[in-house]
């Protein structure tokens, strides 16, 4: 019984979820969400805004992500989805949007159902 209690406590505090990096999301307006991770776990689908190719990016390779609103005309391959500029750990940048598969962000004190529709910045926690 004590073992099950310990497992439940570790799971609720995020210790069991420490598979990969955690991020802080700071929205354009509002409070930050800390200690979060992208869901589903594993590579994140990302669409290049210029050629429309879809890439899978490992969260462990992400240093930061800046999400901004797109402005008309919506000529990018991402349509009206938030513009994402991902800075990778090797300091290269990718421009595009999340998707086509939906990506959520789970953190504290809340979560984001679809990161492709928000404005703000994700920064990898050290």
N, C-alpha and C. Protein backbone atom coordinates (compact mmCIF):
# COMPACT_ATOMS: atom_id res chain seq x y z
N UNK A 1 0.83 -1.20 0.00
CA UNK A 1 0.00 0.00 0.00
C UNK A 1 0.87 1.26 0.00
N UNK A 2 1.94 1.25 0.82
CA UNK A 2 2.83 2.42 0.85
C UNK A 2 3.47 2.64 -0.51
N UNK A 3 3.81 1.54 -1.20
CA UNK A 3 4.41 1.64 -2.52
C UNK A 3 3.46 2.33 -3.50
N UNK A 4 2.18 1.95 -3.47
CA UNK A 4 1.20 2.56 -4.36
C UNK A 4 0.99 4.03 -4.03
N UNK A 5 1.03 4.37 -2.76
CA UNK A 5 0.92 5.77 -2.35
C UNK A 5 2.09 6.57 -2.88
N UNK A 6 3.31 6.00 -2.80
CA UNK A 6 4.50 6.67 -3.30
C UNK A 6 4.42 6.88 -4.81
N UNK A 7 3.96 5.86 -5.53
CA UNK A 7 3.81 5.98 -6.98
C UNK A 7 2.82 7.09 -7.32
N UNK A 8 1.69 7.13 -6.62
CA UNK A 8 0.68 8.17 -6.86
C UNK A 8 1.26 9.55 -6.57
N UNK A 9 2.02 9.68 -5.50
CA UNK A 9 2.62 10.97 -5.15
C UNK A 9 3.63 11.39 -6.20
N UNK A 10 4.49 10.48 -6.63
CA UNK A 10 5.48 10.81 -7.65
C UNK A 10 4.82 11.19 -8.96
N UNK A 11 3.77 10.48 -9.34
CA UNK A 11 3.05 10.80 -10.56
C UNK A 11 2.39 12.16 -10.51
N UNK A 12 1.79 12.50 -9.37
CA UNK A 12 1.09 13.78 -9.25
C UNK A 12 2.04 14.96 -9.18
N UNK A 13 3.27 14.74 -8.77
CA UNK A 13 4.24 15.84 -8.70
C UNK A 13 5.06 15.95 -9.97
N UNK A 14 4.85 15.05 -10.92
CA UNK A 14 5.54 15.15 -12.19
C UNK A 14 6.86 14.40 -12.24
N UNK A 15 7.27 13.75 -11.16
CA UNK A 15 8.54 13.05 -11.15
C UNK A 15 8.53 11.92 -12.18
N UNK A 16 7.41 11.21 -12.32
CA UNK A 16 7.34 10.13 -13.28
C UNK A 16 7.27 10.65 -14.71
N UNK A 17 6.94 11.89 -14.89
CA UNK A 17 6.80 12.47 -16.21
C UNK A 17 8.09 13.13 -16.71
N UNK A 18 9.17 12.93 -16.03
CA UNK A 18 10.42 13.60 -16.35
C UNK A 18 11.11 12.94 -17.54
N UNK A 19 10.37 12.61 -18.57
CA UNK A 19 10.90 12.02 -19.79
C UNK A 19 11.13 13.12 -20.80
N UNK A 20 12.27 13.73 -20.77
CA UNK A 20 12.55 14.80 -21.70
C UNK A 20 12.50 16.15 -21.02
N UNK A 21 12.77 17.19 -21.81
CA UNK A 21 12.85 18.54 -21.24
C UNK A 21 11.49 19.09 -20.83
N UNK A 22 11.51 20.03 -19.91
CA UNK A 22 10.30 20.77 -19.55
C UNK A 22 10.46 22.21 -20.02
N UNK A 23 9.32 22.86 -20.22
CA UNK A 23 9.30 24.22 -20.77
C UNK A 23 8.40 25.11 -19.92
N UNK A 24 8.66 26.41 -19.99
CA UNK A 24 7.77 27.42 -19.43
C UNK A 24 7.14 28.15 -20.60
N UNK A 25 5.81 28.30 -20.55
CA UNK A 25 5.11 29.07 -21.57
C UNK A 25 4.69 30.40 -20.97
N UNK A 26 5.10 31.48 -21.62
CA UNK A 26 4.69 32.82 -21.21
C UNK A 26 3.80 33.38 -22.31
N UNK A 27 2.50 33.53 -22.02
CA UNK A 27 1.58 34.04 -23.04
C UNK A 27 1.75 35.54 -23.25
N UNK A 28 1.20 36.03 -24.36
CA UNK A 28 1.25 37.46 -24.64
C UNK A 28 0.57 38.24 -23.51
N UNK A 29 -0.48 37.67 -22.93
CA UNK A 29 -1.20 38.28 -21.80
C UNK A 29 -1.56 37.16 -20.83
N UNK A 30 -1.29 37.36 -19.56
CA UNK A 30 -1.67 36.35 -18.57
C UNK A 30 -0.48 35.77 -17.84
N UNK A 31 -0.74 34.72 -17.10
CA UNK A 31 0.29 34.11 -16.26
C UNK A 31 1.01 32.97 -16.97
N UNK A 32 2.27 32.78 -16.61
CA UNK A 32 3.09 31.73 -17.19
C UNK A 32 2.62 30.35 -16.72
N UNK A 33 2.84 29.37 -17.57
CA UNK A 33 2.62 27.96 -17.24
C UNK A 33 4.00 27.32 -17.17
N UNK A 34 4.34 26.77 -16.02
CA UNK A 34 5.70 26.27 -15.81
C UNK A 34 5.76 24.75 -15.74
N UNK A 35 6.97 24.23 -15.92
CA UNK A 35 7.22 22.80 -15.77
C UNK A 35 6.41 21.94 -16.71
N UNK A 36 6.14 22.45 -17.91
CA UNK A 36 5.27 21.74 -18.82
C UNK A 36 6.00 20.92 -19.86
N UNK A 37 5.21 20.06 -20.51
CA UNK A 37 5.73 19.22 -21.58
C UNK A 37 4.68 19.16 -22.69
N UNK A 38 5.16 18.80 -23.88
CA UNK A 38 4.26 18.70 -25.02
C UNK A 38 3.61 17.32 -25.04
N UNK A 39 2.36 17.29 -25.47
CA UNK A 39 1.62 16.04 -25.53
C UNK A 39 0.98 15.92 -26.91
N UNK A 40 1.04 14.80 -27.57
CA UNK A 40 1.59 13.55 -27.06
C UNK A 40 3.11 13.61 -26.95
N UNK A 41 3.65 12.76 -26.09
CA UNK A 41 5.10 12.68 -25.91
C UNK A 41 5.76 12.25 -27.21
N UNK A 42 7.02 12.59 -27.34
CA UNK A 42 7.76 12.19 -28.52
C UNK A 42 7.87 13.34 -29.50
N UNK A 43 8.24 13.03 -30.74
CA UNK A 43 8.43 14.09 -31.75
C UNK A 43 7.15 14.90 -31.99
N UNK A 44 7.35 16.18 -32.27
CA UNK A 44 6.26 17.12 -32.52
C UNK A 44 6.17 17.37 -34.02
N UNK A 45 4.96 17.31 -34.58
CA UNK A 45 4.81 17.60 -36.01
C UNK A 45 4.86 19.11 -36.23
N UNK A 46 5.59 19.50 -37.26
CA UNK A 46 5.83 20.91 -37.55
C UNK A 46 5.80 21.09 -39.06
N UNK A 47 5.04 22.06 -39.55
CA UNK A 47 4.92 22.33 -40.97
C UNK A 47 5.76 23.54 -41.35
N UNK A 48 6.63 23.37 -42.35
CA UNK A 48 7.46 24.48 -42.85
C UNK A 48 6.54 25.47 -43.56
N UNK A 49 6.64 26.75 -43.22
CA UNK A 49 5.72 27.74 -43.78
C UNK A 49 6.00 28.05 -45.24
N UNK A 50 7.18 27.72 -45.73
CA UNK A 50 7.53 28.06 -47.11
C UNK A 50 7.21 26.94 -48.10
N UNK A 51 7.59 25.70 -47.77
CA UNK A 51 7.38 24.62 -48.73
C UNK A 51 6.27 23.65 -48.32
N UNK A 52 5.73 23.78 -47.10
CA UNK A 52 4.64 22.93 -46.66
C UNK A 52 5.05 21.54 -46.19
N UNK A 53 6.36 21.24 -46.23
CA UNK A 53 6.82 19.93 -45.75
C UNK A 53 6.58 19.81 -44.26
N UNK A 54 6.23 18.59 -43.83
CA UNK A 54 6.00 18.32 -42.41
C UNK A 54 7.22 17.60 -41.85
N UNK A 55 7.73 18.11 -40.74
CA UNK A 55 8.89 17.54 -40.07
C UNK A 55 8.48 17.10 -38.68
N UNK A 56 9.20 16.15 -38.16
CA UNK A 56 9.02 15.72 -36.77
C UNK A 56 10.23 16.24 -35.99
N UNK A 57 9.98 17.05 -34.97
CA UNK A 57 11.06 17.65 -34.18
C UNK A 57 11.01 17.09 -32.76
N UNK A 58 12.12 16.57 -32.30
CA UNK A 58 12.22 16.05 -30.93
C UNK A 58 12.25 17.22 -29.95
N UNK A 59 11.44 17.19 -28.90
CA UNK A 59 11.47 18.26 -27.90
C UNK A 59 12.86 18.46 -27.29
N UNK A 60 13.66 17.41 -27.22
CA UNK A 60 15.01 17.54 -26.65
C UNK A 60 15.91 18.43 -27.50
N UNK A 61 15.53 18.69 -28.75
CA UNK A 61 16.31 19.54 -29.65
C UNK A 61 15.84 21.00 -29.64
N UNK A 62 14.75 21.28 -28.89
CA UNK A 62 14.16 22.63 -28.89
C UNK A 62 14.71 23.46 -27.73
N UNK A 63 15.18 24.66 -28.05
CA UNK A 63 15.63 25.61 -27.04
C UNK A 63 14.49 26.57 -26.69
N UNK A 64 13.81 27.10 -27.73
CA UNK A 64 12.68 28.01 -27.50
C UNK A 64 11.76 28.03 -28.71
N UNK A 65 10.53 28.48 -28.48
CA UNK A 65 9.55 28.63 -29.55
C UNK A 65 8.83 29.95 -29.33
N UNK A 66 8.81 30.80 -30.34
CA UNK A 66 8.06 32.05 -30.29
C UNK A 66 6.87 31.91 -31.22
N UNK A 67 5.68 32.15 -30.68
CA UNK A 67 4.44 32.06 -31.47
C UNK A 67 3.84 33.46 -31.61
N UNK A 68 3.61 33.86 -32.86
CA UNK A 68 3.01 35.17 -33.13
C UNK A 68 1.80 34.99 -34.04
N UNK A 69 0.96 36.00 -34.08
CA UNK A 69 -0.22 35.96 -34.95
C UNK A 69 0.21 36.18 -36.40
N UNK A 70 -0.44 35.51 -37.30
CA UNK A 70 -0.20 35.74 -38.73
C UNK A 70 -1.01 36.94 -39.16
N UNK A 71 -0.51 37.62 -40.18
CA UNK A 71 -1.23 38.78 -40.71
C UNK A 71 -1.59 38.50 -42.17
N UNK A 72 -2.72 39.03 -42.63
CA UNK A 72 -3.11 38.84 -44.02
C UNK A 72 -2.09 39.49 -44.96
N UNK A 73 -1.90 39.05 -46.14
CA UNK A 73 -2.57 37.89 -46.73
C UNK A 73 -1.96 36.59 -46.21
N UNK A 74 -2.78 35.58 -46.05
CA UNK A 74 -2.35 34.31 -45.49
C UNK A 74 -1.80 33.41 -46.60
N UNK A 75 -0.64 33.78 -47.13
CA UNK A 75 -0.05 33.06 -48.26
C UNK A 75 0.87 31.93 -47.82
N UNK A 76 1.14 31.79 -46.54
CA UNK A 76 2.01 30.73 -46.05
C UNK A 76 1.29 29.40 -46.12
N UNK A 77 2.04 28.32 -46.09
CA UNK A 77 1.48 26.97 -46.09
C UNK A 77 0.75 26.68 -44.78
N UNK A 78 0.86 27.58 -43.79
CA UNK A 78 0.24 27.39 -42.48
C UNK A 78 -1.12 28.07 -42.37
N UNK A 79 -1.54 28.79 -43.40
CA UNK A 79 -2.84 29.47 -43.34
C UNK A 79 -2.89 30.48 -42.21
N UNK A 80 -3.90 30.38 -41.36
CA UNK A 80 -4.07 31.35 -40.27
C UNK A 80 -3.51 30.86 -38.94
N UNK A 81 -2.87 29.68 -38.93
CA UNK A 81 -2.30 29.16 -37.67
C UNK A 81 -1.21 30.10 -37.16
N UNK A 82 -1.00 30.11 -35.86
CA UNK A 82 0.04 30.95 -35.27
C UNK A 82 1.39 30.66 -35.93
N UNK A 83 2.13 31.72 -36.19
CA UNK A 83 3.47 31.57 -36.77
C UNK A 83 4.41 31.12 -35.66
N UNK A 84 5.16 30.06 -35.91
CA UNK A 84 6.09 29.52 -34.91
C UNK A 84 7.51 29.65 -35.44
N UNK A 85 8.37 30.22 -34.60
CA UNK A 85 9.80 30.25 -34.89
C UNK A 85 10.46 29.41 -33.80
N UNK A 86 10.96 28.25 -34.21
CA UNK A 86 11.60 27.33 -33.27
C UNK A 86 13.10 27.52 -33.35
N UNK A 87 13.71 27.81 -32.19
CA UNK A 87 15.17 27.86 -32.11
C UNK A 87 15.62 26.53 -31.53
N UNK A 88 16.45 25.85 -32.28
CA UNK A 88 16.94 24.54 -31.86
C UNK A 88 18.20 24.69 -31.01
N UNK A 89 18.59 23.61 -30.35
CA UNK A 89 19.75 23.67 -29.45
C UNK A 89 21.04 23.95 -30.20
N UNK A 90 21.08 23.71 -31.53
CA UNK A 90 22.28 24.04 -32.32
C UNK A 90 22.21 25.47 -32.86
N UNK A 91 21.22 26.25 -32.40
CA UNK A 91 21.00 27.67 -32.71
C UNK A 91 20.43 27.92 -34.11
N UNK A 92 20.03 26.87 -34.83
CA UNK A 92 19.34 27.07 -36.10
C UNK A 92 17.87 27.37 -35.80
N UNK A 93 17.20 27.94 -36.79
CA UNK A 93 15.79 28.29 -36.61
C UNK A 93 14.94 27.68 -37.71
N UNK A 94 13.75 27.27 -37.33
CA UNK A 94 12.75 26.75 -38.26
C UNK A 94 11.54 27.66 -38.18
N UNK A 95 10.98 28.00 -39.34
CA UNK A 95 9.81 28.88 -39.42
C UNK A 95 8.64 28.10 -39.97
N UNK A 96 7.52 28.15 -39.26
CA UNK A 96 6.34 27.44 -39.73
C UNK A 96 5.22 27.46 -38.72
N UNK A 97 4.61 26.29 -38.52
CA UNK A 97 3.50 26.17 -37.58
C UNK A 97 3.42 24.74 -37.08
N UNK A 98 2.71 24.56 -35.98
CA UNK A 98 2.50 23.22 -35.45
C UNK A 98 1.46 22.51 -36.29
N UNK A 99 1.62 21.22 -36.43
CA UNK A 99 0.63 20.43 -37.13
C UNK A 99 1.22 19.72 -38.31
N UNK A 100 0.46 18.91 -38.96
CA UNK A 100 -0.99 18.85 -38.90
C UNK A 100 -1.55 18.13 -37.67
N UNK A 101 -0.76 17.30 -37.01
CA UNK A 101 -1.26 16.62 -35.81
C UNK A 101 -1.35 17.62 -34.66
N UNK A 102 -2.43 17.59 -33.87
CA UNK A 102 -2.56 18.54 -32.77
C UNK A 102 -1.50 18.30 -31.69
N UNK A 103 -1.03 19.39 -31.11
CA UNK A 103 -0.03 19.34 -30.05
C UNK A 103 -0.57 20.11 -28.86
N UNK A 104 -0.57 19.49 -27.69
CA UNK A 104 -1.02 20.14 -26.46
C UNK A 104 0.20 20.43 -25.59
N UNK A 105 -0.01 21.26 -24.57
CA UNK A 105 1.05 21.57 -23.60
C UNK A 105 0.45 21.38 -22.22
N UNK A 106 1.08 20.53 -21.42
CA UNK A 106 0.58 20.21 -20.09
C UNK A 106 1.58 20.77 -19.08
N UNK A 107 1.11 21.66 -18.19
CA UNK A 107 2.00 22.26 -17.20
C UNK A 107 1.25 22.66 -15.96
N UNK A 108 1.84 23.58 -15.21
CA UNK A 108 1.24 24.04 -13.98
C UNK A 108 1.29 25.56 -13.96
N UNK A 109 0.20 26.24 -13.76
CA UNK A 109 -1.07 25.83 -13.20
C UNK A 109 -2.13 25.48 -14.22
N UNK A 110 -1.78 25.11 -15.43
CA UNK A 110 -2.81 24.79 -16.40
C UNK A 110 -2.23 24.09 -17.61
N UNK A 111 -3.03 24.04 -18.67
CA UNK A 111 -2.57 23.41 -19.89
C UNK A 111 -3.17 24.14 -21.08
N UNK A 112 -2.65 23.81 -22.27
CA UNK A 112 -3.12 24.41 -23.51
C UNK A 112 -3.54 23.26 -24.42
N UNK A 113 -4.76 23.27 -24.86
CA UNK A 113 -5.27 22.16 -25.68
C UNK A 113 -4.62 22.12 -27.06
N UNK A 114 -4.33 23.28 -27.64
CA UNK A 114 -3.72 23.34 -28.97
C UNK A 114 -2.71 24.49 -29.01
N UNK A 115 -1.43 24.16 -29.03
CA UNK A 115 -0.41 25.22 -29.03
C UNK A 115 -0.36 25.95 -30.36
N UNK A 116 -1.01 25.39 -31.39
CA UNK A 116 -1.01 26.04 -32.70
C UNK A 116 -1.89 27.26 -32.78
N UNK A 117 -2.61 27.57 -31.72
CA UNK A 117 -3.53 28.71 -31.77
C UNK A 117 -3.25 29.76 -30.70
N UNK A 118 -2.10 29.67 -30.04
CA UNK A 118 -1.79 30.63 -28.98
C UNK A 118 -0.69 31.59 -29.43
N UNK A 119 -0.54 32.68 -28.68
CA UNK A 119 0.50 33.67 -28.92
C UNK A 119 1.34 33.73 -27.63
N UNK A 120 2.64 33.62 -27.77
CA UNK A 120 3.51 33.66 -26.61
C UNK A 120 4.84 32.99 -26.88
N UNK A 121 5.51 32.58 -25.80
CA UNK A 121 6.85 32.00 -25.95
C UNK A 121 7.04 30.81 -25.02
N UNK A 122 7.57 29.73 -25.58
CA UNK A 122 8.00 28.56 -24.82
C UNK A 122 9.51 28.63 -24.66
N UNK A 123 10.00 28.45 -23.45
CA UNK A 123 11.44 28.44 -23.21
C UNK A 123 11.78 27.18 -22.43
N UNK A 124 12.80 26.49 -22.89
CA UNK A 124 13.25 25.27 -22.23
C UNK A 124 13.77 25.62 -20.85
N UNK A 125 13.35 24.85 -19.85
CA UNK A 125 13.84 25.06 -18.49
C UNK A 125 15.19 24.38 -18.34
N UNK A 126 16.07 25.04 -17.66
CA UNK A 126 17.44 24.51 -17.47
C UNK A 126 17.51 23.55 -16.31
